[in-house]
């Protein structure tokens, strides 16, 4: 058990977090609310030009779900980093401090934007796959199909790193040069 001399108090400079920590936390909450607001606005057809095209509406909705998913994941990572450090400090253990340099700030704040892009990309890839497999010139996605796409977009946003790793491995496989084929 640590005594009062060895354990830092809540007001000591060692326990204070930099402003970037609070700024990132606040911005992540803004991203969550923005994702929810965009989802509601698009779903309720509040903006007229969005309702003109079902494809555009679905594309934007997938982007909003991607942003929401990645925002939730970023808040979770942010919370885990703070709790791990705070728990270790409360137990008197020395843990590596959470760094709040520019790299980590950019990491946390670009994740929701990247999630929105991946959410919209998941719709594009699904739509391209459906149009290649279907013979009719016009593809109609059912409401249930749209909800499945929204769930896929949310998961793409939530697992941004894994999706990017998977896309990277697919790209490497598609674009790898096979020296044996060139010689033959």
Protein backbone atom coordinates (compact mmCIF):
# COMPACT_ATOMS: atom_id res chain seq x y z
CA UNK A 1 0.00 0.00 0.00
CA UNK A 2 1.42 3.35 -1.01
CA UNK A 3 1.60 6.11 1.54
CA UNK A 4 0.78 9.74 0.90
CA UNK A 5 4.44 10.62 0.28
CA UNK A 6 4.99 8.14 -2.54
CA UNK A 7 1.66 8.37 -4.30
CA UNK A 8 0.91 11.50 -6.31
CA UNK A 9 -2.07 13.51 -5.23
CA UNK A 10 -4.77 14.53 -7.67
CA UNK A 11 -3.51 18.11 -7.79
CA UNK A 12 0.18 17.38 -8.36
CA UNK A 13 1.67 18.35 -11.73
CA UNK A 14 2.37 14.68 -12.42
CA UNK A 15 -1.39 13.92 -12.56
CA UNK A 16 -2.45 16.86 -14.67
CA UNK A 17 -3.32 16.10 -18.23
CA UNK A 18 -2.39 18.42 -21.06
CA UNK A 19 -5.06 20.46 -22.81
CA UNK A 20 -4.77 18.23 -25.87
CA UNK A 21 -6.17 15.34 -23.81
CA UNK A 22 -9.35 17.26 -23.01
CA UNK A 23 -9.58 18.71 -26.50
CA UNK A 24 -9.38 15.23 -28.08
CA UNK A 25 -12.02 13.88 -25.68
CA UNK A 26 -14.36 16.75 -26.45
CA UNK A 27 -13.87 16.42 -30.21
CA UNK A 28 -14.55 12.67 -30.06
CA UNK A 29 -17.86 13.34 -28.34
CA UNK A 30 -18.64 15.94 -31.05
CA UNK A 31 -17.90 13.28 -33.69
CA UNK A 32 -20.29 10.82 -32.00
CA UNK A 33 -23.06 13.43 -31.93
CA UNK A 34 -22.27 14.44 -35.52
CA UNK A 35 -22.55 10.81 -36.64
CA UNK A 36 -25.89 10.44 -34.86
CA UNK A 37 -27.15 13.78 -36.21
CA UNK A 38 -26.15 12.93 -39.78
CA UNK A 39 -27.84 9.56 -39.52
CA UNK A 40 -31.07 11.15 -38.29
CA UNK A 41 -30.98 13.99 -40.82
CA UNK A 42 -30.41 11.62 -43.73
CA UNK A 43 -32.98 9.09 -42.48
CA UNK A 44 -35.70 11.71 -41.99
CA UNK A 45 -35.01 13.32 -45.39
CA UNK A 46 -34.49 16.73 -43.80
CA UNK A 47 -32.32 18.00 -46.67
CA UNK A 48 -34.14 18.04 -50.01
CA UNK A 49 -31.24 17.43 -52.38
CA UNK A 50 -30.33 14.21 -50.57
CA UNK A 51 -33.74 12.68 -51.29
CA UNK A 52 -33.33 13.24 -55.04
CA UNK A 53 -31.21 10.10 -55.41
CA UNK A 54 -31.64 6.91 -53.40
CA UNK A 55 -28.07 5.93 -54.25
CA UNK A 56 -26.70 9.22 -52.89
CA UNK A 57 -28.87 8.93 -49.78
CA UNK A 58 -27.69 5.36 -49.10
CA UNK A 59 -24.09 6.36 -49.79
CA UNK A 60 -24.27 9.24 -47.31
CA UNK A 61 -26.06 7.08 -44.75
CA UNK A 62 -23.29 4.47 -44.96
CA UNK A 63 -20.73 7.25 -44.50
CA UNK A 64 -22.62 8.51 -41.43
CA UNK A 65 -22.74 4.99 -39.98
CA UNK A 66 -19.01 4.58 -40.69
CA UNK A 67 -18.31 7.84 -38.86
CA UNK A 68 -20.46 6.75 -35.95
CA UNK A 69 -18.73 3.36 -35.72
CA UNK A 70 -15.23 4.80 -35.84
CA UNK A 71 -16.17 7.54 -33.35
CA UNK A 72 -17.41 4.93 -30.88
CA UNK A 73 -14.21 2.92 -31.36
CA UNK A 74 -12.02 6.02 -30.91
CA UNK A 75 -13.88 7.02 -27.73
CA UNK A 76 -13.38 3.47 -26.46
CA UNK A 77 -9.62 3.55 -27.16
CA UNK A 78 -9.34 7.01 -25.61
CA UNK A 79 -11.21 5.88 -22.51
CA UNK A 80 -9.11 2.71 -22.20
CA UNK A 81 -5.86 4.69 -22.43
CA UNK A 82 -6.95 7.09 -19.70
CA UNK A 83 -8.37 4.39 -17.42
CA UNK A 84 -5.29 2.16 -17.76
CA UNK A 85 -3.01 5.02 -16.79
CA UNK A 86 -5.28 6.20 -13.95
CA UNK A 87 -5.75 2.67 -12.56
CA UNK A 88 -2.02 2.00 -12.56
CA UNK A 89 -1.38 5.31 -10.81
CA UNK A 90 -4.07 4.62 -8.20
CA UNK A 91 -2.56 1.22 -7.47
CA UNK A 92 0.88 2.77 -7.06
CA UNK A 93 2.27 1.10 -10.17
CA UNK A 94 4.35 2.91 -12.68
CA UNK A 95 2.82 2.80 -16.13
CA UNK A 96 3.98 4.49 -19.28
CA UNK A 97 2.23 7.85 -19.51
CA UNK A 98 -0.26 8.47 -22.27
CA UNK A 99 1.38 10.67 -24.87
CA UNK A 100 -0.61 13.61 -26.16
CA UNK A 101 1.74 14.76 -28.88
CA UNK A 102 0.56 15.84 -32.32
CA UNK A 103 0.73 12.31 -33.73
CA UNK A 104 -1.76 10.91 -31.22
CA UNK A 105 -4.05 13.91 -31.50
CA UNK A 106 -4.16 13.47 -35.28
CA UNK A 107 -4.67 9.71 -34.83
CA UNK A 108 -7.74 10.19 -32.64
CA UNK A 109 -9.25 13.04 -34.64
CA UNK A 110 -8.84 11.53 -38.11
CA UNK A 111 -10.30 8.14 -37.22
CA UNK A 112 -13.95 9.26 -37.51
CA UNK A 113 -13.26 10.92 -40.85
CA UNK A 114 -11.53 7.78 -42.08
CA UNK A 115 -14.45 5.73 -40.78
CA UNK A 116 -16.90 7.86 -42.78
CA UNK A 117 -14.84 7.31 -45.92
CA UNK A 118 -14.62 3.56 -45.29
CA UNK A 119 -18.37 3.41 -44.59
CA UNK A 120 -19.12 5.06 -47.92
CA UNK A 121 -16.50 2.87 -49.60
CA UNK A 122 -18.16 -0.26 -48.18
CA UNK A 123 -21.37 0.78 -49.93
CA UNK A 124 -19.52 1.46 -53.17
CA UNK A 125 -17.78 -1.92 -53.07
CA UNK A 126 -21.04 -3.70 -52.26
CA UNK A 127 -22.88 -1.87 -55.03
CA UNK A 128 -20.14 -2.65 -57.56
CA UNK A 129 -20.28 -6.29 -56.52
CA UNK A 130 -24.05 -6.39 -56.93
CA UNK A 131 -23.97 -4.67 -60.31
CA UNK A 132 -21.34 -7.10 -61.62
CA UNK A 133 -23.35 -10.09 -60.47
CA UNK A 134 -26.76 -8.83 -61.62
CA UNK A 135 -27.92 -8.73 -65.22
CA UNK A 136 -30.60 -6.02 -65.02
CA UNK A 137 -29.41 -2.49 -65.70
CA UNK A 138 -31.12 -1.12 -62.58
CA UNK A 139 -30.39 -2.62 -59.19
CA UNK A 140 -32.87 -2.12 -56.41
CA UNK A 141 -31.67 -2.78 -52.88
CA UNK A 142 -34.39 -3.72 -50.45
CA UNK A 143 -34.79 -1.98 -47.11
CA UNK A 144 -33.38 -5.05 -45.38
CA UNK A 145 -30.42 -4.95 -47.74
CA UNK A 146 -29.84 -1.29 -46.96
CA UNK A 147 -29.85 -2.01 -43.23
CA UNK A 148 -27.27 -4.72 -43.81
CA UNK A 149 -25.13 -2.20 -45.68
CA UNK A 150 -25.53 0.27 -42.79
CA UNK A 151 -24.37 -2.41 -40.35
CA UNK A 152 -21.41 -3.21 -42.61
CA UNK A 153 -20.54 0.49 -42.78
CA UNK A 154 -20.72 0.78 -38.98
CA UNK A 155 -18.43 -2.23 -38.59
CA UNK A 156 -16.04 -0.85 -41.22
CA UNK A 157 -15.83 2.36 -39.23
CA UNK A 158 -15.50 0.57 -35.90
CA UNK A 159 -12.67 -1.64 -37.16
CA UNK A 160 -10.84 0.95 -39.26
CA UNK A 161 -7.40 -0.58 -38.66
CA UNK A 162 -8.51 -4.11 -39.51
CA UNK A 163 -10.33 -2.97 -42.66
CA UNK A 164 -7.28 -1.03 -43.83
CA UNK A 165 -5.05 -4.03 -43.11
CA UNK A 166 -7.39 -6.26 -45.13
CA UNK A 167 -7.52 -3.77 -48.02
CA UNK A 168 -3.74 -3.57 -47.94
CA UNK A 169 -3.37 -7.35 -48.16
CA UNK A 170 -5.87 -7.54 -51.03
CA UNK A 171 -4.07 -4.73 -52.87
CA UNK A 172 -0.73 -6.46 -52.41
CA UNK A 173 -2.18 -9.69 -53.76
CA UNK A 174 -3.79 -7.99 -56.77
CA UNK A 175 -0.79 -5.86 -57.68
CA UNK A 176 2.07 -8.18 -56.81
CA UNK A 177 4.50 -8.86 -59.58
CA UNK A 178 5.11 -12.47 -60.32
CA UNK A 179 8.63 -12.79 -61.75
CA UNK A 180 8.03 -16.41 -62.76
CA UNK A 181 5.13 -15.38 -65.03
CA UNK A 182 7.25 -12.70 -66.72
CA UNK A 183 10.05 -15.13 -67.51
CA UNK A 184 7.67 -17.76 -68.96
